[in-house]
Amino acid sequence: EEIVKFLKGINNTSTKTYMLFQNLLIWARAQSGNLDF
């Protein structure tokens, strides 16, 4: 049960980090004018 709890925490953190990465990449493209509309 403890291992499952730790894995859920890791999964949750990695998901949030991935979404942050997505936002950073989209934002960087938007700032450089390379984001197509």
Full PDB file with SEQRES, HELIX, SHEET, SSBOND, CRYST1, ORIGX, SCALE, CONECT and MASTER records, all heavy atoms in Angstrom:
SEQRES   1 A   37  GLU GLU ILE VAL LYS PHE LEU LYS GLY ILE ASN ASN THR          
SEQRES   2 A   37  SER THR LYS THR TYR MET LEU PHE GLN ASN LEU LEU ILE          
SEQRES   3 A   37  TRP ALA ARG ALA GLN SER GLY ASN LEU ASP PHE                  
HELIX    1 AA1 GLU A    2  SER A   32  1                                  31    
CRYST1    1.000    1.000    1.000  90.00  90.00  90.00 P 1           1          
ORIGX1      1.000000  0.000000  0.000000        0.00000                         
ORIGX2      0.000000  1.000000  0.000000        0.00000                         
ORIGX3      0.000000  0.000000  1.000000        0.00000                         
SCALE1      1.000000  0.000000  0.000000        0.00000                         
SCALE2      0.000000  1.000000  0.000000        0.00000                         
SCALE3      0.000000  0.000000  1.000000        0.00000                         
ATOM      1  N   GLU A   1       0.824  -1.211   0.000  1.00  0.00           N  
ATOM      2  CA  GLU A   1       0.000   0.000   0.000  1.00  0.00           C  
ATOM      3  C   GLU A   1       0.859   1.263   0.000  1.00  0.00           C  
ATOM      4  O   GLU A   1       0.552   2.250  -0.674  1.00  0.00           O  
ATOM      5  CB  GLU A   1      -0.924   0.011   1.232  1.00  0.00           C  
ATOM      6  CG  GLU A   1      -2.064  -1.007   1.206  1.00  0.00           C  
ATOM      7  CD  GLU A   1      -1.573  -2.426   1.474  1.00  0.00           C  
ATOM      8  OE1 GLU A   1      -0.445  -2.584   1.996  1.00  0.00           O  
ATOM      9  OE2 GLU A   1      -2.320  -3.378   1.152  1.00  0.00           O  
ATOM     10  N   GLU A   2       1.958   1.230   0.758  1.00  0.00           N  
ATOM     11  CA  GLU A   2       2.864   2.396   0.812  1.00  0.00           C  
ATOM     12  C   GLU A   2       3.540   2.619  -0.543  1.00  0.00           C  
ATOM     13  O   GLU A   2       3.695   3.755  -0.991  1.00  0.00           O  
ATOM     14  CB  GLU A   2       3.907   2.191   1.903  1.00  0.00           C  
ATOM     15  CG  GLU A   2       3.350   2.322   3.322  1.00  0.00           C  
ATOM     16  CD  GLU A   2       4.371   1.990   4.387  1.00  0.00           C  
ATOM     17  OE1 GLU A   2       5.151   1.031   4.196  1.00  0.00           O  
ATOM     18  OE2 GLU A   2       4.402   2.710   5.418  1.00  0.00           O  
ATOM     19  N   ILE A   3       3.939   1.532  -1.175  1.00  0.00           N  
ATOM     20  CA  ILE A   3       4.593   1.645  -2.488  1.00  0.00           C  
ATOM     21  C   ILE A   3       3.628   2.242  -3.520  1.00  0.00           C  
ATOM     22  O   ILE A   3       3.999   3.113  -4.310  1.00  0.00           O  
ATOM     23  CB  ILE A   3       5.106   0.263  -2.958  1.00  0.00           C  
ATOM     24  CG1 ILE A   3       6.266  -0.190  -2.073  1.00  0.00           C  
ATOM     25  CG2 ILE A   3       5.548   0.318  -4.421  1.00  0.00           C  
ATOM     26  CD1 ILE A   3       6.721  -1.617  -2.325  1.00  0.00           C  
ATOM     27  N   VAL A   4       2.369   1.762  -3.494  1.00  0.00           N  
ATOM     28  CA  VAL A   4       1.352   2.311  -4.402  1.00  0.00           C  
ATOM     29  C   VAL A   4       1.160   3.808  -4.154  1.00  0.00           C  
ATOM     30  O   VAL A   4       1.040   4.602  -5.090  1.00  0.00           O  
ATOM     31  CB  VAL A   4       0.009   1.558  -4.240  1.00  0.00           C  
ATOM     32  CG1 VAL A   4      -1.105   2.284  -4.996  1.00  0.00           C  
ATOM     33  CG2 VAL A   4       0.134   0.125  -4.731  1.00  0.00           C  
ATOM     34  N   LYS A   5       1.148   4.184  -2.865  1.00  0.00           N  
ATOM     35  CA  LYS A   5       0.989   5.602  -2.503  1.00  0.00           C  
ATOM     36  C   LYS A   5       2.140   6.441  -3.061  1.00  0.00           C  
ATOM     37  O   LYS A   5       1.931   7.532  -3.619  1.00  0.00           O  
ATOM     38  CB  LYS A   5       0.926   5.728  -0.985  1.00  0.00           C  
ATOM     39  CG  LYS A   5       0.754   7.164  -0.492  1.00  0.00           C  
ATOM     40  CD  LYS A   5       0.769   7.220   1.028  1.00  0.00           C  
ATOM     41  CE  LYS A   5       0.706   8.672   1.508  1.00  0.00           C  
ATOM     42  NZ  LYS A   5       0.768   8.765   2.987  1.00  0.00           N  
ATOM     43  N   PHE A   6       3.387   5.927  -2.901  1.00  0.00           N  
ATOM     44  CA  PHE A   6       4.556   6.646  -3.430  1.00  0.00           C  
ATOM     45  C   PHE A   6       4.486   6.762  -4.951  1.00  0.00           C  
ATOM     46  O   PHE A   6       4.801   7.808  -5.527  1.00  0.00           O  
ATOM     47  CB  PHE A   6       5.848   5.929  -3.022  1.00  0.00           C  
ATOM     48  CG  PHE A   6       6.157   6.032  -1.556  1.00  0.00           C  
ATOM     49  CD1 PHE A   6       6.702   4.949  -0.873  1.00  0.00           C  
ATOM     50  CD2 PHE A   6       5.925   7.208  -0.856  1.00  0.00           C  
ATOM     51  CE1 PHE A   6       7.000   5.041   0.484  1.00  0.00           C  
ATOM     52  CE2 PHE A   6       6.226   7.310   0.503  1.00  0.00           C  
ATOM     53  CZ  PHE A   6       6.748   6.210   1.177  1.00  0.00           C  
ATOM     54  N   LEU A   7       4.092   5.660  -5.605  1.00  0.00           N  
ATOM     55  CA  LEU A   7       4.015   5.663  -7.073  1.00  0.00           C  
ATOM     56  C   LEU A   7       2.957   6.645  -7.565  1.00  0.00           C  
ATOM     57  O   LEU A   7       3.156   7.319  -8.584  1.00  0.00           O  
ATOM     58  CB  LEU A   7       3.714   4.249  -7.586  1.00  0.00           C  
ATOM     59  CG  LEU A   7       4.859   3.241  -7.466  1.00  0.00           C  
ATOM     60  CD1 LEU A   7       4.389   1.853  -7.876  1.00  0.00           C  
ATOM     61  CD2 LEU A   7       6.051   3.664  -8.326  1.00  0.00           C  
ATOM     62  N   LYS A   8       1.834   6.735  -6.857  1.00  0.00           N  
ATOM     63  CA  LYS A   8       0.807   7.710  -7.228  1.00  0.00           C  
ATOM     64  C   LYS A   8       1.341   9.137  -7.104  1.00  0.00           C  
ATOM     65  O   LYS A   8       1.060  10.001  -7.936  1.00  0.00           O  
ATOM     66  CB  LYS A   8      -0.426   7.535  -6.336  1.00  0.00           C  
ATOM     67  CG  LYS A   8      -1.336   6.391  -6.758  1.00  0.00           C  
ATOM     68  CD  LYS A   8      -2.603   6.367  -5.906  1.00  0.00           C  
ATOM     69  CE  LYS A   8      -3.549   5.278  -6.379  1.00  0.00           C  
ATOM     70  NZ  LYS A   8      -4.801   5.244  -5.576  1.00  0.00           N  
ATOM     71  N   GLY A   9       2.121   9.376  -6.041  1.00  0.00           N  
ATOM     72  CA  GLY A   9       2.719  10.697  -5.850  1.00  0.00           C  
ATOM     73  C   GLY A   9       3.693  11.039  -6.969  1.00  0.00           C  
ATOM     74  O   GLY A   9       3.700  12.164  -7.490  1.00  0.00           O  
ATOM     75  N   ILE A  10       4.517  10.043  -7.352  1.00  0.00           N  
ATOM     76  CA  ILE A  10       5.479  10.250  -8.446  1.00  0.00           C  
ATOM     77  C   ILE A  10       4.742  10.503  -9.749  1.00  0.00           C  
ATOM     78  O   ILE A  10       5.085  11.402 -10.530  1.00  0.00           O  
ATOM     79  CB  ILE A  10       6.412   9.021  -8.589  1.00  0.00           C  
ATOM     80  CG1 ILE A  10       7.333   8.917  -7.370  1.00  0.00           C  
ATOM     81  CG2 ILE A  10       7.247   9.120  -9.863  1.00  0.00           C  
ATOM     82  CD1 ILE A  10       8.099   7.609  -7.300  1.00  0.00           C  
ATOM     83  N   ASN A  11       3.686   9.697  -9.983  1.00  0.00           N  
ATOM     84  CA  ASN A  11       2.904   9.857 -11.206  1.00  0.00           C  
ATOM     85  C   ASN A  11       2.243  11.227 -11.269  1.00  0.00           C  
ATOM     86  O   ASN A  11       2.237  11.896 -12.314  1.00  0.00           O  
ATOM     87  CB  ASN A  11       1.842   8.755 -11.287  1.00  0.00           C  
ATOM     88  CG  ASN A  11       0.977   8.891 -12.536  1.00  0.00           C  
ATOM     89  OD1 ASN A  11      -0.136   9.373 -12.471  1.00  0.00           O  
ATOM     90  ND2 ASN A  11       1.516   8.462 -13.659  1.00  0.00           N  
ATOM     91  N   ASN A  12       1.700  11.668 -10.142  1.00  0.00           N  
ATOM     92  CA  ASN A  12       1.039  12.969 -10.078  1.00  0.00           C  
ATOM     93  C   ASN A  12       2.028  14.100 -10.347  1.00  0.00           C  
ATOM     94  O   ASN A  12       1.763  15.024 -11.121  1.00  0.00           O  
ATOM     95  CB  ASN A  12       0.399  13.146  -8.699  1.00  0.00           C  
ATOM     96  CG  ASN A  12      -0.489  14.379  -8.628  1.00  0.00           C  
ATOM     97  OD1 ASN A  12      -1.217  14.680  -9.554  1.00  0.00           O  
ATOM     98  ND2 ASN A  12      -0.425  15.089  -7.514  1.00  0.00           N  
ATOM     99  N   THR A  13       3.219  14.018  -9.711  1.00  0.00           N  
ATOM    100  CA  THR A  13       4.248  15.048  -9.912  1.00  0.00           C  
ATOM    101  C   THR A  13       4.745  15.064 -11.350  1.00  0.00           C  
ATOM    102  O   THR A  13       4.921  16.131 -11.951  1.00  0.00           O  
ATOM    103  CB  THR A  13       5.437  14.815  -8.956  1.00  0.00           C  
ATOM    104  OG1 THR A  13       4.971  14.834  -7.614  1.00  0.00           O  
ATOM    105  CG2 THR A  13       6.499  15.890  -9.138  1.00  0.00           C  
ATOM    106  N   SER A  14       4.973  13.882 -11.939  1.00  0.00           N  
ATOM    107  CA  SER A  14       5.476  13.809 -13.314  1.00  0.00           C  
ATOM    108  C   SER A  14       4.435  14.318 -14.307  1.00  0.00           C  
ATOM    109  O   SER A  14       4.774  14.971 -15.303  1.00  0.00           O  
ATOM    110  CB  SER A  14       5.888  12.373 -13.665  1.00  0.00           C  
ATOM    111  OG  SER A  14       4.788  11.496 -13.583  1.00  0.00           O  
ATOM    112  N   THR A  15       3.138  14.056 -14.018  1.00  0.00           N  
ATOM    113  CA  THR A  15       2.070  14.566 -14.891  1.00  0.00           C  
ATOM    114  C   THR A  15       2.037  16.088 -14.876  1.00  0.00           C  
ATOM    115  O   THR A  15       1.952  16.737 -15.927  1.00  0.00           O  
ATOM    116  CB  THR A  15       0.699  14.016 -14.432  1.00  0.00           C  
ATOM    117  OG1 THR A  15       0.714  12.589 -14.494  1.00  0.00           O  
ATOM    118  CG2 THR A  15      -0.426  14.539 -15.335  1.00  0.00           C  
ATOM    119  N   LYS A  16       2.137  16.653 -13.668  1.00  0.00           N  
ATOM    120  CA  LYS A  16       2.142  18.114 -13.542  1.00  0.00           C  
ATOM    121  C   LYS A  16       3.377  18.720 -14.216  1.00  0.00           C  
ATOM    122  O   LYS A  16       3.305  19.770 -14.855  1.00  0.00           O  
ATOM    123  CB  LYS A  16       2.101  18.519 -12.070  1.00  0.00           C  
ATOM    124  CG  LYS A  16       0.751  18.254 -11.404  1.00  0.00           C  
ATOM    125  CD  LYS A  16       0.805  18.593  -9.927  1.00  0.00           C  
ATOM    126  CE  LYS A  16      -0.520  18.289  -9.243  1.00  0.00           C  
ATOM    127  NZ  LYS A  16      -0.459  18.494  -7.785  1.00  0.00           N  
ATOM    128  N   THR A  17       4.520  18.032 -14.068  1.00  0.00           N  
ATOM    129  CA  THR A  17       5.759  18.521 -14.681  1.00  0.00           C  
ATOM    130  C   THR A  17       5.654  18.485 -16.197  1.00  0.00           C  
ATOM    131  O   THR A  17       6.087  19.418 -16.890  1.00  0.00           O  
ATOM    132  CB  THR A  17       6.965  17.679 -14.222  1.00  0.00           C  
ATOM    133  OG1 THR A  17       6.993  17.648 -12.797  1.00  0.00           O  
ATOM    134  CG2 THR A  17       8.268  18.268 -14.730  1.00  0.00           C  
ATOM    135  N   TYR A  18       5.042  17.414 -16.706  1.00  0.00           N  
ATOM    136  CA  TYR A  18       4.850  17.287 -18.157  1.00  0.00           C  
ATOM    137  C   TYR A  18       3.952  18.412 -18.670  1.00  0.00           C  
ATOM    138  O   TYR A  18       4.242  19.022 -19.714  1.00  0.00           O  
ATOM    139  CB  TYR A  18       4.235  15.931 -18.488  1.00  0.00           C  
ATOM    140  CG  TYR A  18       3.861  15.782 -19.942  1.00  0.00           C  
ATOM    141  CD1 TYR A  18       4.842  15.678 -20.930  1.00  0.00           C  
ATOM    142  CD2 TYR A  18       2.518  15.763 -20.331  1.00  0.00           C  
ATOM    143  CE1 TYR A  18       4.492  15.554 -22.266  1.00  0.00           C  
ATOM    144  CE2 TYR A  18       2.171  15.641 -21.661  1.00  0.00           C  
ATOM    145  CZ  TYR A  18       3.156  15.537 -22.631  1.00  0.00           C  
ATOM    146  OH  TYR A  18       2.811  15.423 -23.947  1.00  0.00           O  
ATOM    147  N   MET A  19       2.879  18.715 -17.950  1.00  0.00           N  
ATOM    148  CA  MET A  19       1.978  19.793 -18.359  1.00  0.00           C  
ATOM    149  C   MET A  19       2.688  21.142 -18.301  1.00  0.00           C  
ATOM    150  O   MET A  19       2.468  22.009 -19.148  1.00  0.00           O  
ATOM    151  CB  MET A  19       0.736  19.798 -17.467  1.00  0.00           C  
ATOM    152  CG  MET A  19      -0.182  18.606 -17.709  1.00  0.00           C  
ATOM    153  SD  MET A  19      -1.578  18.531 -16.568  1.00  0.00           S  
ATOM    154  CE  MET A  19      -2.490  19.969 -17.059  1.00  0.00           C  
ATOM    155  N   LEU A  20       3.553  21.311 -17.302  1.00  0.00           N  
ATOM    156  CA  LEU A  20       4.330  22.537 -17.215  1.00  0.00           C  
ATOM    157  C   LEU A  20       5.279  22.650 -18.402  1.00  0.00           C  
ATOM    158  O   LEU A  20       5.430  23.720 -19.007  1.00  0.00           O  
ATOM    159  CB  LEU A  20       5.120  22.581 -15.897  1.00  0.00           C  
ATOM    160  CG  LEU A  20       6.052  23.784 -15.690  1.00  0.00           C  
ATOM    161  CD1 LEU A  20       5.283  25.090 -15.798  1.00  0.00           C  
ATOM    162  CD2 LEU A  20       6.745  23.687 -14.342  1.00  0.00           C  
ATOM    163  N   PHE A  21       5.913  21.538 -18.762  1.00  0.00           N  
ATOM    164  CA  PHE A  21       6.781  21.518 -19.935  1.00  0.00           C  
ATOM    165  C   PHE A  21       6.004  21.906 -21.185  1.00  0.00           C  
ATOM    166  O   PHE A  21       6.485  22.681 -22.028  1.00  0.00           O  
ATOM    167  CB  PHE A  21       7.388  20.123 -20.130  1.00  0.00           C  
ATOM    168  CG  PHE A  21       8.786  19.989 -19.608  1.00  0.00           C  
ATOM    169  CD1 PHE A  21       9.097  19.021 -18.668  1.00  0.00           C  
ATOM    170  CD2 PHE A  21       9.795  20.834 -20.039  1.00  0.00           C  
ATOM    171  CE1 PHE A  21      10.381  18.894 -18.170  1.00  0.00           C  
ATOM    172  CE2 PHE A  21      11.091  20.720 -19.554  1.00  0.00           C  
ATOM    173  CZ  PHE A  21      11.382  19.739 -18.618  1.00  0.00           C  
ATOM    174  N   GLN A  22       4.801  21.360 -21.319  1.00  0.00           N  
ATOM    175  CA  GLN A  22       3.961  21.691 -22.477  1.00  0.00           C  
ATOM    176  C   GLN A  22       3.697  23.188 -22.536  1.00  0.00           C  
ATOM    177  O   GLN A  22       3.837  23.812 -23.591  1.00  0.00           O  
ATOM    178  CB  GLN A  22       2.630  20.941 -22.392  1.00  0.00           C  
ATOM    179  CG  GLN A  22       2.671  19.526 -22.945  1.00  0.00           C  
ATOM    180  CD  GLN A  22       1.274  18.949 -23.062  1.00  0.00           C  
ATOM    181  OE1 GLN A  22       0.491  18.996 -22.114  1.00  0.00           O  
ATOM    182  NE2 GLN A  22       0.949  18.404 -24.209  1.00  0.00           N  
ATOM    183  N   ASN A  23       3.309  23.756 -21.391  1.00  0.00           N  
ATOM    184  CA  ASN A  23       3.044  25.197 -21.341  1.00  0.00           C  
ATOM    185  C   ASN A  23       4.296  26.011 -21.676  1.00  0.00           C  
ATOM    186  O   ASN A  23       4.230  27.020 -22.381  1.00  0.00           O  
ATOM    187  CB  ASN A  23       2.533  25.596 -19.958  1.00  0.00           C  
ATOM    188  CG  ASN A  23       1.051  25.319 -19.784  1.00  0.00           C  
ATOM    189  OD1 ASN A  23       0.335  25.117 -20.764  1.00  0.00           O  
ATOM    190  ND2 ASN A  23       0.589  25.285 -18.559  1.00  0.00           N  
ATOM    191  N   LEU A  24       5.438  25.584 -21.155  1.00  0.00           N  
ATOM    192  CA  LEU A  24       6.689  26.297 -21.427  1.00  0.00           C  
ATOM    193  C   LEU A  24       7.031  26.285 -22.915  1.00  0.00           C  
ATOM    194  O   LEU A  24       7.419  27.298 -23.488  1.00  0.00           O  
ATOM    195  CB  LEU A  24       7.843  25.671 -20.634  1.00  0.00           C  
ATOM    196  CG  LEU A  24       7.974  26.069 -19.158  1.00  0.00           C  
ATOM    197  CD1 LEU A  24       8.991  25.185 -18.460  1.00  0.00           C  
ATOM    198  CD2 LEU A  24       8.365  27.534 -19.038  1.00  0.00           C  
ATOM    199  N   LEU A  25       6.881  25.125 -23.539  1.00  0.00           N  
ATOM    200  CA  LEU A  25       7.191  25.000 -24.958  1.00  0.00           C  
ATOM    201  C   LEU A  25       6.237  25.850 -25.806  1.00  0.00           C  
ATOM    202  O   LEU A  25       6.661  26.550 -26.733  1.00  0.00           O  
ATOM    203  CB  LEU A  25       7.127  23.532 -25.393  1.00  0.00           C  
ATOM    204  CG  LEU A  25       8.231  22.623 -24.844  1.00  0.00           C  
ATOM    205  CD1 LEU A  25       7.953  21.162 -25.170  1.00  0.00           C  
ATOM    206  CD2 LEU A  25       9.597  23.035 -25.387  1.00  0.00           C  
ATOM    207  N   ILE A  26       4.930  25.775 -25.477  1.00  0.00           N  
ATOM    208  CA  ILE A  26       3.941  26.565 -26.222  1.00  0.00           C  
ATOM    209  C   ILE A  26       4.205  28.046 -26.032  1.00  0.00           C  
ATOM    210  O   ILE A  26       4.171  28.835 -26.974  1.00  0.00           O  
ATOM    211  CB  ILE A  26       2.509  26.211 -25.752  1.00  0.00           C  
ATOM    212  CG1 ILE A  26       2.169  24.765 -26.134  1.00  0.00           C  
ATOM    213  CG2 ILE A  26       1.479  27.156 -26.372  1.00  0.00           C  
ATOM    214  CD1 ILE A  26       0.902  24.243 -25.480  1.00  0.00           C  
ATOM    215  N   TRP A  27       4.498  28.431 -24.781  1.00  0.00           N  
ATOM    216  CA  TRP A  27       4.748  29.834 -24.467  1.00  0.00           C  
ATOM    217  C   TRP A  27       5.984  30.354 -25.198  1.00  0.00           C  
ATOM    218  O   TRP A  27       5.986  31.453 -25.756  1.00  0.00           O  
ATOM    219  CB  TRP A  27       4.900  29.966 -22.958  1.00  0.00           C  
ATOM    220  CG  TRP A  27       5.053  31.375 -22.456  1.00  0.00           C  
ATOM    221  CD1 TRP A  27       4.254  32.441 -22.740  1.00  0.00           C  
ATOM    222  CD2 TRP A  27       6.066  31.860 -21.580  1.00  0.00           C  
ATOM    223  NE1 TRP A  27       4.690  33.552 -22.076  1.00  0.00           N  
ATOM    224  CE2 TRP A  27       5.804  33.226 -21.365  1.00  0.00           C  
ATOM    225  CE3 TRP A  27       7.151  31.268 -20.948  1.00  0.00           C  
ATOM    226  CZ2 TRP A  27       6.598  34.008 -20.553  1.00  0.00           C  
ATOM    227  CZ3 TRP A  27       7.928  32.053 -20.132  1.00  0.00           C  
ATOM    228  CH2 TRP A  27       7.660  33.404 -19.939  1.00  0.00           C  
ATOM    229  N   ALA A  28       7.059  29.542 -25.194  1.00  0.00           N  
ATOM    230  CA  ALA A  28       8.297  29.941 -25.875  1.00  0.00           C  
ATOM    231  C   ALA A  28       8.042  30.144 -27.365  1.00  0.00           C  
ATOM    232  O   ALA A  28       8.535  31.107 -27.971  1.00  0.00           O  
ATOM    233  CB  ALA A  28       9.371  28.880 -25.656  1.00  0.00           C  
ATOM    234  N   ARG A  29       7.263  29.246 -27.970  1.00  0.00           N  
ATOM    235  CA  ARG A  29       6.942  29.390 -29.402  1.00  0.00           C  
ATOM    236  C   ARG A  29       6.097  30.636 -29.648  1.00  0.00           C  
ATOM    237  O   ARG A  29       6.281  31.342 -30.647  1.00  0.00           O  
ATOM    238  CB  ARG A  29       6.206  28.144 -29.895  1.00  0.00           C  
ATOM    239  CG  ARG A  29       7.105  26.914 -30.036  1.00  0.00           C  
ATOM    240  CD  ARG A  29       6.300  25.687 -30.399  1.00  0.00           C  
ATOM    241  NE  ARG A  29       5.654  25.853 -31.696  1.00  0.00           N  
ATOM    242  CZ  ARG A  29       4.639  25.106 -32.118  1.00  0.00           C  
ATOM    243  NH1 ARG A  29       4.154  24.159 -31.336  1.00  0.00           N  
ATOM    244  NH2 ARG A  29       4.115  25.302 -33.316  1.00  0.00           N  
ATOM    245  N   ALA A  30       5.170  30.902 -28.736  1.00  0.00           N  
ATOM    246  CA  ALA A  30       4.316  32.083 -28.885  1.00  0.00           C  
ATOM    247  C   ALA A  30       5.142  33.368 -28.800  1.00  0.00           C  
ATOM    248  O   ALA A  30       4.939  34.306 -29.572  1.00  0.00           O  
ATOM    249  CB  ALA A  30       3.227  32.090 -27.810  1.00  0.00           C  
ATOM    250  N   GLN A  31       6.112  33.401 -27.865  1.00  0.00           N  
ATOM    251  CA  GLN A  31       6.952  34.594 -27.689  1.00  0.00           C  
ATOM    252  C   GLN A  31       7.859  34.823 -28.895  1.00  0.00           C  
ATOM    253  O   GLN A  31       8.188  35.953 -29.231  1.00  0.00           O  
ATOM    254  CB  GLN A  31       7.807  34.463 -26.424  1.00  0.00           C  
ATOM    255  CG  GLN A  31       7.022  34.378 -25.129  1.00  0.00           C  
ATOM    256  CD  GLN A  31       6.061  35.532 -24.941  1.00  0.00           C  
ATOM    257  OE1 GLN A  31       6.437  36.689 -25.069  1.00  0.00           O  
ATOM    258  NE2 GLN A  31       4.803  35.226 -24.665  1.00  0.00           N  
ATOM    259  N   SER A  32       8.282  33.749 -29.551  1.00  0.00           N  
ATOM    260  CA  SER A  32       9.186  33.881 -30.692  1.00  0.00           C  
ATOM    261  C   SER A  32       8.432  34.085 -32.004  1.00  0.00           C  
ATOM    262  O   SER A  32       9.034  34.278 -33.050  1.00  0.00           O  
ATOM    263  CB  SER A  32      10.068  32.628 -30.814  1.00  0.00           C  
ATOM    264  OG  SER A  32       9.274  31.472 -31.055  1.00  0.00           O  
ATOM    265  N   GLY A  33       7.091  34.046 -31.930  1.00  0.00           N  
ATOM    266  CA  GLY A  33       6.283  34.251 -33.131  1.00  0.00           C  
ATOM    267  C   GLY A  33       6.193  33.028 -34.024  1.00  0.00           C  
ATOM    268  O   GLY A  33       5.786  33.137 -35.187  1.00  0.00           O  
ATOM    269  N   ASN A  34       6.582  31.865 -33.519  1.00  0.00           N  
ATOM    270  CA  ASN A  34       6.581  30.649 -34.335  1.00  0.00           C  
ATOM    271  C   ASN A  34       5.376  29.752 -34.076  1.00  0.00           C  
ATOM    272  O   ASN A  34       5.362  28.595 -34.487  1.00  0.00           O  
ATOM    273  CB  ASN A  34       7.865  29.841 -34.063  1.00  0.00           C  
ATOM    274  CG  ASN A  34       9.108  30.570 -34.558  1.00  0.00           C  
ATOM    275  OD1 ASN A  34       9.068  31.233 -35.589  1.00  0.00           O  
ATOM    276  ND2 ASN A  34      10.195  30.462 -33.820  1.00  0.00           N  
ATOM    277  N   LEU A  35       4.378  30.281 -33.402  1.00  0.00           N  
ATOM    278  CA  LEU A  35       3.198  29.484 -33.103  1.00  0.00           C  
ATOM    279  C   LEU A  35       2.113  29.804 -34.127  1.00  0.00           C  
ATOM    280  O   LEU A  35       1.613  30.918 -34.190  1.00  0.00           O  
ATOM    281  CB  LEU A  35       2.695  29.792 -31.688  1.00  0.00           C  
ATOM    282  CG  LEU A  35       1.627  28.854 -31.128  1.00  0.00           C  
ATOM    283  CD1 LEU A  35       2.177  27.437 -30.981  1.00  0.00           C  
ATOM    284  CD2 LEU A  35       1.132  29.351 -29.783  1.00  0.00           C  
ATOM    285  N   ASP A  36       1.781  28.828 -34.957  1.00  0.00           N  
ATOM    286  CA  ASP A  36       0.786  29.029 -36.001  1.00  0.00           C  
ATOM    287  C   ASP A  36      -0.609  29.155 -35.405  1.00  0.00           C  
ATOM    288  O   ASP A  36      -0.947  28.476 -34.430  1.00  0.00           O  
ATOM    289  CB  ASP A  36       0.801  27.863 -36.997  1.00  0.00           C  
ATOM    290  CG  ASP A  36       2.100  27.805 -37.784  1.00  0.00           C  
ATOM    291  OD1 ASP A  36       2.666  28.885 -38.034  1.00  0.00           O  
ATOM    292  OD2 ASP A  36       2.538  26.701 -38.139  1.00  0.00           O  
ATOM    293  N   PHE A  37      -1.415  30.014 -35.998  1.00  0.00           N  
ATOM    294  CA  PHE A  37      -2.808  30.178 -35.591  1.00  0.00           C  
ATOM    295  C   PHE A  37      -3.681  29.700 -36.746  1.00  0.00           C  
ATOM    296  O   PHE A  37      -3.767  30.344 -37.785  1.00  0.00           O  
ATOM    297  CB  PHE A  37      -3.082  31.649 -35.261  1.00  0.00           C  
ATOM    298  CG  PHE A  37      -4.520  31.934 -34.921  1.00  0.00           C  
ATOM    299  CD1 PHE A  37      -5.111  31.354 -33.811  1.00  0.00           C  
ATOM    300  CD2 PHE A  37      -5.283  32.797 -35.707  1.00  0.00           C  
ATOM    301  CE1 PHE A  37      -6.434  31.621 -33.491  1.00  0.00           C  
ATOM    302  CE2 PHE A  37      -6.593  33.071 -35.396  1.00  0.00           C  
ATOM    303  CZ  PHE A  37      -7.175  32.484 -34.281  1.00  0.00           C  
TER     304      PHE A  37                                                      
MASTER        0    0    0    1    0    0    0    6  303    1    0    3          
END                                                                             
